[in-house]
């Protein structure tokens, strides 16, 4: 059985700034070297984003973003386990 690799990266799409000065939070998934990217449909001001940690700084969007992020991460992990046939449903 081969070992699967899985990574999730949250980053800002800084090249497309909205009228209110916010930018879209993007998600990049990597599974066994295959990469896919999509929009989270959430926006944040660039100065309120920690690029090293890949999350909003302080309490600006923390409660809403982390609640959403937990749901997304759980859904993604379940899908990957199902696709990789590690989970039998």
N, C-alpha and C. Protein backbone atom coordinates (compact mmCIF):
# COMPACT_ATOMS: atom_id res chain seq x y z
N UNK A 1 0.84 -1.18 0.00
CA UNK A 1 0.00 0.00 0.00
C UNK A 1 0.89 1.25 0.00
N UNK A 2 0.65 2.16 -0.94
CA UNK A 2 1.47 3.36 -1.03
C UNK A 2 1.00 4.43 -0.05
N UNK A 3 1.92 5.29 0.34
CA UNK A 3 1.60 6.34 1.28
C UNK A 3 1.03 7.54 0.53
N UNK A 4 -0.07 8.10 1.05
CA UNK A 4 -0.70 9.26 0.44
C UNK A 4 -0.16 10.54 1.08
N UNK A 5 0.01 11.57 0.27
CA UNK A 5 0.38 12.88 0.80
C UNK A 5 -0.78 13.84 0.61
N UNK A 6 -0.99 14.69 1.59
CA UNK A 6 -2.12 15.59 1.58
C UNK A 6 -1.74 16.90 2.24
N UNK A 7 -2.01 18.03 1.57
CA UNK A 7 -1.73 19.35 2.13
C UNK A 7 -2.86 20.30 1.77
N UNK A 8 -3.15 21.22 2.69
CA UNK A 8 -4.12 22.29 2.46
C UNK A 8 -3.43 23.61 2.73
N UNK A 9 -3.60 24.55 1.81
CA UNK A 9 -3.02 25.88 1.97
C UNK A 9 -4.11 26.93 1.75
N UNK A 10 -4.24 27.85 2.70
CA UNK A 10 -5.13 28.98 2.55
C UNK A 10 -4.26 30.18 2.20
N UNK A 11 -4.61 30.91 1.14
CA UNK A 11 -3.81 32.06 0.73
C UNK A 11 -4.73 33.12 0.12
N UNK A 12 -4.19 34.32 -0.03
CA UNK A 12 -4.96 35.43 -0.58
C UNK A 12 -4.69 35.60 -2.06
N UNK A 13 -5.73 35.98 -2.77
CA UNK A 13 -5.61 36.28 -4.19
C UNK A 13 -5.44 37.80 -4.30
N UNK A 14 -4.21 38.25 -4.10
CA UNK A 14 -3.93 39.68 -3.98
C UNK A 14 -4.00 40.43 -5.31
N UNK A 15 -3.98 39.73 -6.42
CA UNK A 15 -4.01 40.42 -7.71
C UNK A 15 -5.40 40.87 -8.11
N UNK A 16 -6.43 40.47 -7.39
CA UNK A 16 -7.80 40.92 -7.66
C UNK A 16 -8.40 41.49 -6.38
N UNK A 17 -8.32 42.82 -6.25
CA UNK A 17 -8.81 43.51 -5.07
C UNK A 17 -10.25 43.97 -5.32
N UNK A 18 -11.14 43.70 -4.36
CA UNK A 18 -12.53 44.14 -4.45
C UNK A 18 -12.63 45.65 -4.22
N UNK A 19 -13.76 46.23 -4.53
CA UNK A 19 -13.96 47.68 -4.37
C UNK A 19 -13.79 48.13 -2.93
N UNK A 20 -14.12 47.26 -1.98
CA UNK A 20 -14.00 47.62 -0.56
C UNK A 20 -12.60 47.37 0.00
N UNK A 21 -11.66 46.98 -0.85
CA UNK A 21 -10.27 46.77 -0.43
C UNK A 21 -9.97 45.38 0.07
N UNK A 22 -10.93 44.48 0.01
CA UNK A 22 -10.70 43.11 0.46
C UNK A 22 -10.27 42.22 -0.71
N UNK A 23 -9.66 41.10 -0.38
CA UNK A 23 -9.26 40.12 -1.39
C UNK A 23 -9.81 38.76 -1.00
N UNK A 24 -9.96 37.89 -1.96
CA UNK A 24 -10.56 36.57 -1.76
C UNK A 24 -9.56 35.61 -1.10
N UNK A 25 -10.06 34.80 -0.18
CA UNK A 25 -9.26 33.73 0.43
C UNK A 25 -9.40 32.51 -0.46
N UNK A 26 -8.27 32.03 -0.96
CA UNK A 26 -8.23 30.87 -1.85
C UNK A 26 -7.77 29.64 -1.07
N UNK A 27 -8.12 28.46 -1.60
CA UNK A 27 -7.71 27.19 -1.00
C UNK A 27 -6.97 26.39 -2.06
N UNK A 28 -5.80 25.88 -1.69
CA UNK A 28 -5.04 25.01 -2.59
C UNK A 28 -4.91 23.66 -1.91
N UNK A 29 -5.40 22.62 -2.58
CA UNK A 29 -5.31 21.25 -2.07
C UNK A 29 -4.29 20.47 -2.88
N UNK A 30 -3.51 19.69 -2.20
CA UNK A 30 -2.54 18.82 -2.86
C UNK A 30 -2.74 17.41 -2.34
N UNK A 31 -3.01 16.49 -3.24
CA UNK A 31 -3.19 15.09 -2.88
C UNK A 31 -2.34 14.25 -3.82
N UNK A 32 -1.34 13.60 -3.25
CA UNK A 32 -0.42 12.76 -4.03
C UNK A 32 0.18 13.50 -5.22
N UNK A 33 0.53 14.77 -5.01
CA UNK A 33 1.17 15.57 -6.05
C UNK A 33 0.22 16.26 -7.01
N UNK A 34 -1.06 15.93 -6.96
CA UNK A 34 -2.04 16.60 -7.82
C UNK A 34 -2.61 17.79 -7.06
N UNK A 35 -2.60 18.95 -7.73
CA UNK A 35 -3.01 20.19 -7.09
C UNK A 35 -4.31 20.70 -7.68
N UNK A 36 -5.18 21.20 -6.81
CA UNK A 36 -6.40 21.88 -7.24
C UNK A 36 -6.57 23.13 -6.38
N UNK A 37 -7.10 24.19 -6.99
CA UNK A 37 -7.29 25.46 -6.30
C UNK A 37 -8.72 25.92 -6.50
N UNK A 38 -9.29 26.55 -5.47
CA UNK A 38 -10.63 27.10 -5.60
C UNK A 38 -10.83 28.21 -4.58
N UNK A 39 -11.86 29.02 -4.81
CA UNK A 39 -12.17 30.15 -3.95
C UNK A 39 -12.97 29.68 -2.74
N UNK A 40 -12.72 30.31 -1.61
CA UNK A 40 -13.49 30.02 -0.40
C UNK A 40 -14.77 30.85 -0.34
N UNK A 41 -14.90 31.82 -1.23
CA UNK A 41 -16.02 32.76 -1.25
C UNK A 41 -16.01 33.68 -0.03
N UNK A 42 -14.89 33.74 0.69
CA UNK A 42 -14.71 34.66 1.81
C UNK A 42 -13.66 35.68 1.44
N UNK A 43 -13.81 36.90 1.95
CA UNK A 43 -12.85 37.96 1.68
C UNK A 43 -12.32 38.54 2.98
N UNK A 44 -11.12 39.09 2.90
CA UNK A 44 -10.47 39.69 4.06
C UNK A 44 -9.56 40.81 3.56
N UNK A 45 -9.31 41.79 4.40
CA UNK A 45 -8.36 42.85 4.05
C UNK A 45 -6.96 42.26 4.13
N UNK A 46 -6.10 42.56 3.15
CA UNK A 46 -4.76 41.96 3.12
C UNK A 46 -3.94 42.20 4.39
N UNK A 47 -4.10 43.36 5.04
CA UNK A 47 -3.33 43.63 6.24
C UNK A 47 -3.84 42.86 7.46
N UNK A 48 -4.99 42.20 7.34
CA UNK A 48 -5.55 41.39 8.43
C UNK A 48 -5.24 39.91 8.23
N UNK A 49 -4.34 39.57 7.31
CA UNK A 49 -4.03 38.18 6.99
C UNK A 49 -2.60 37.85 7.38
N UNK A 50 -2.39 36.75 8.05
CA UNK A 50 -1.05 36.27 8.40
C UNK A 50 -0.63 35.25 7.36
N UNK A 51 0.29 35.64 6.48
CA UNK A 51 0.68 34.75 5.37
C UNK A 51 1.47 33.54 5.86
N UNK A 52 2.21 33.68 6.95
CA UNK A 52 3.00 32.56 7.47
C UNK A 52 2.08 31.47 8.01
N UNK A 53 1.06 31.87 8.78
CA UNK A 53 0.15 30.90 9.39
C UNK A 53 -1.02 30.54 8.48
N UNK A 54 -1.26 31.34 7.43
CA UNK A 54 -2.37 31.06 6.52
C UNK A 54 -3.73 31.25 7.17
N UNK A 55 -3.86 32.34 7.96
CA UNK A 55 -5.12 32.59 8.64
C UNK A 55 -5.25 34.08 8.93
N UNK A 56 -6.47 34.48 9.33
CA UNK A 56 -6.71 35.87 9.69
C UNK A 56 -6.01 36.20 10.99
N UNK A 57 -5.49 37.43 11.08
CA UNK A 57 -4.82 37.88 12.30
C UNK A 57 -5.85 38.28 13.35
N UNK A 58 -5.51 38.08 14.60
CA UNK A 58 -6.31 38.57 15.72
C UNK A 58 -7.76 38.16 15.67
N UNK A 59 -8.63 39.08 16.04
CA UNK A 59 -10.06 38.79 16.10
C UNK A 59 -10.84 39.40 14.94
N UNK A 60 -10.15 39.85 13.90
CA UNK A 60 -10.84 40.51 12.79
C UNK A 60 -11.90 39.63 12.17
N UNK A 61 -11.53 38.46 11.75
CA UNK A 61 -12.47 37.51 11.15
C UNK A 61 -12.33 36.14 11.80
N UNK A 62 -11.64 36.09 12.92
CA UNK A 62 -11.26 34.80 13.49
C UNK A 62 -12.42 33.86 13.76
N UNK A 63 -13.43 34.30 14.49
CA UNK A 63 -14.48 33.37 14.88
C UNK A 63 -15.22 32.83 13.67
N UNK A 64 -15.58 33.71 12.74
CA UNK A 64 -16.30 33.27 11.53
C UNK A 64 -15.40 32.40 10.65
N UNK A 65 -14.18 32.84 10.44
CA UNK A 65 -13.26 32.12 9.56
C UNK A 65 -12.90 30.75 10.12
N UNK A 66 -12.56 30.67 11.42
CA UNK A 66 -12.16 29.39 11.99
C UNK A 66 -13.32 28.40 12.06
N UNK A 67 -14.52 28.89 12.32
CA UNK A 67 -15.68 28.02 12.31
C UNK A 67 -15.88 27.44 10.91
N UNK A 68 -15.76 28.29 9.91
CA UNK A 68 -15.90 27.86 8.53
C UNK A 68 -14.76 26.91 8.14
N UNK A 69 -13.54 27.26 8.55
CA UNK A 69 -12.37 26.48 8.18
C UNK A 69 -12.45 25.06 8.75
N UNK A 70 -12.92 24.91 9.97
CA UNK A 70 -13.06 23.58 10.56
C UNK A 70 -14.02 22.72 9.75
N UNK A 71 -15.14 23.30 9.33
CA UNK A 71 -16.10 22.56 8.52
C UNK A 71 -15.51 22.15 7.19
N UNK A 72 -14.81 23.08 6.54
CA UNK A 72 -14.21 22.79 5.23
C UNK A 72 -13.14 21.72 5.37
N UNK A 73 -12.27 21.83 6.36
CA UNK A 73 -11.21 20.84 6.56
C UNK A 73 -11.79 19.45 6.81
N UNK A 74 -12.81 19.37 7.63
CA UNK A 74 -13.44 18.08 7.90
C UNK A 74 -14.03 17.48 6.63
N UNK A 75 -14.74 18.30 5.85
CA UNK A 75 -15.33 17.84 4.60
C UNK A 75 -14.27 17.37 3.61
N UNK A 76 -13.20 18.14 3.48
CA UNK A 76 -12.12 17.79 2.55
C UNK A 76 -11.46 16.48 2.97
N UNK A 77 -11.18 16.33 4.25
CA UNK A 77 -10.53 15.11 4.73
C UNK A 77 -11.41 13.89 4.50
N UNK A 78 -12.70 14.02 4.77
CA UNK A 78 -13.62 12.90 4.53
C UNK A 78 -13.64 12.55 3.04
N UNK A 79 -13.70 13.55 2.17
CA UNK A 79 -13.71 13.29 0.73
C UNK A 79 -12.43 12.61 0.28
N UNK A 80 -11.29 13.07 0.78
CA UNK A 80 -10.02 12.48 0.38
C UNK A 80 -9.91 11.05 0.87
N UNK A 81 -10.34 10.80 2.09
CA UNK A 81 -10.30 9.42 2.59
C UNK A 81 -11.21 8.52 1.77
N UNK A 82 -12.37 9.04 1.40
CA UNK A 82 -13.30 8.26 0.58
C UNK A 82 -12.70 7.98 -0.79
N UNK A 83 -12.14 9.01 -1.42
CA UNK A 83 -11.56 8.87 -2.76
C UNK A 83 -10.36 7.94 -2.73
N UNK A 84 -9.53 8.06 -1.70
CA UNK A 84 -8.33 7.23 -1.64
C UNK A 84 -8.64 5.81 -1.18
N UNK A 85 -9.95 5.54 -0.95
CA UNK A 85 -10.41 4.21 -0.60
C UNK A 85 -9.91 3.74 0.76
N UNK A 86 -9.54 4.68 1.62
CA UNK A 86 -9.12 4.34 2.98
C UNK A 86 -10.31 4.20 3.90
N UNK A 87 -11.44 4.76 3.48
CA UNK A 87 -12.63 4.73 4.32
C UNK A 87 -13.72 3.99 3.57
N UNK A 88 -14.25 2.98 4.17
CA UNK A 88 -15.33 2.20 3.55
C UNK A 88 -16.65 2.66 4.11
N UNK A 89 -17.50 3.23 3.25
CA UNK A 89 -18.83 3.68 3.68
C UNK A 89 -19.89 2.78 3.09
